[in-house]
Amino acid sequence: MFNNSGFMEARRMIDNREFRNAYNFLKSISDKCAEWYYLSGISAMNIGYYEEGEDYIKRARFMEPENKEYSKALDNYTQYR
């Protein structure tokens, strides 16, 4: 299983607005858990892959419906759209 430091690195890239780097980094990870889908969704949306990003965030929320971060991201996207 992939360790959390990789996801911390992806979050750092996203925080630094390095969305393409985060997207490419996450694509190299084979362990696709809810965190992977959430971070991939955020990075995809910020480089213009809106449908892919929305699908990933929906999947993250489906996998962990109690996660407030995932729900908020999907709600924000839905309101923005």
Protein backbone atom coordinates (compact mmCIF):
# COMPACT_ATOMS: atom_id res chain seq x y z
CA MET A 1 0.00 0.00 0.00
CA PHE A 2 1.15 3.52 -0.82
CA ASN A 3 2.25 5.53 2.19
CA ASN A 4 0.77 8.87 3.21
CA SER A 5 3.94 10.87 2.57
CA GLY A 6 3.19 10.64 -1.14
CA PHE A 7 -0.22 12.15 -0.59
CA MET A 8 1.36 14.83 1.60
CA GLU A 9 3.68 15.65 -1.31
CA ALA A 10 0.71 15.86 -3.70
CA ARG A 11 -1.08 18.18 -1.25
CA ARG A 12 2.04 20.36 -1.06
CA MET A 13 2.08 20.64 -4.85
CA ILE A 14 -1.62 21.53 -4.89
CA ASP A 15 -1.10 24.12 -2.13
CA ASN A 16 1.69 25.63 -4.25
CA ARG A 17 -0.60 25.67 -7.29
CA GLU A 18 1.58 23.10 -9.07
CA PHE A 19 -1.51 21.32 -10.36
CA ARG A 20 0.07 19.71 -13.43
CA ASN A 21 2.93 18.31 -11.32
CA ALA A 22 0.46 16.95 -8.74
CA TYR A 23 -1.70 15.44 -11.48
CA ASN A 24 1.28 13.70 -13.12
CA PHE A 25 2.67 12.57 -9.76
CA LEU A 26 -0.67 11.07 -8.74
CA LYS A 27 -1.00 9.26 -12.08
CA SER A 28 2.14 7.30 -11.15
CA ILE A 29 0.49 5.88 -8.01
CA SER A 30 -1.31 2.57 -8.39
CA ASP A 31 -3.07 2.56 -4.97
CA LYS A 32 -6.27 4.39 -5.83
CA CYS A 33 -7.93 5.04 -2.48
CA ALA A 34 -10.37 7.86 -1.68
CA GLU A 35 -7.49 10.26 -0.98
CA TRP A 36 -6.02 9.52 -4.42
CA TYR A 37 -9.35 10.24 -6.11
CA TYR A 38 -9.84 13.46 -4.15
CA LEU A 39 -6.36 14.85 -4.85
CA SER A 40 -6.47 13.73 -8.48
CA GLY A 41 -9.84 15.40 -8.84
CA ILE A 42 -8.63 18.70 -7.42
CA SER A 43 -5.52 18.71 -9.60
CA ALA A 44 -7.46 17.65 -12.73
CA MET A 45 -10.04 20.40 -12.30
CA ASN A 46 -7.37 23.02 -11.86
CA ILE A 47 -5.71 22.12 -15.16
CA GLY A 48 -9.00 22.16 -17.01
CA TYR A 49 -10.04 18.50 -16.90
CA TYR A 50 -13.39 19.33 -15.31
CA GLU A 51 -15.34 16.16 -16.08
CA GLU A 52 -12.51 13.90 -14.96
CA GLY A 53 -12.02 16.00 -11.83
CA GLU A 54 -15.70 15.92 -10.98
CA ASP A 55 -15.83 12.15 -11.48
CA TYR A 56 -12.82 11.65 -9.20
CA ILE A 57 -14.21 13.84 -6.44
CA LYS A 58 -17.58 12.09 -6.65
CA ARG A 59 -15.82 8.75 -6.31
CA ALA A 60 -13.82 9.96 -3.29
CA ARG A 61 -17.02 11.09 -1.61
CA PHE A 62 -18.74 7.81 -2.48
CA MET A 63 -15.84 5.86 -0.96
CA GLU A 64 -15.78 7.99 2.22
CA PRO A 65 -19.17 9.72 2.54
CA GLU A 66 -18.35 10.94 6.06
CA ASN A 67 -15.28 12.88 4.87
CA LYS A 68 -16.21 16.56 5.10
CA GLU A 69 -13.31 17.71 2.90
CA TYR A 70 -14.49 15.58 -0.02
CA SER A 71 -18.13 16.62 0.41
CA LYS A 72 -17.21 20.30 0.63
CA ALA A 73 -15.09 20.09 -2.53
CA LEU A 74 -17.94 18.51 -4.47
CA ASP A 75 -20.45 21.03 -3.10
CA ASN A 76 -18.15 23.93 -4.02
CA TYR A 77 -17.72 22.60 -7.55
CA THR A 78 -21.46 22.06 -7.96
CA GLN A 79 -22.19 25.63 -6.80
CA TYR A 80 -19.47 27.05 -9.05
CA ARG A 81 -20.76 25.21 -12.08
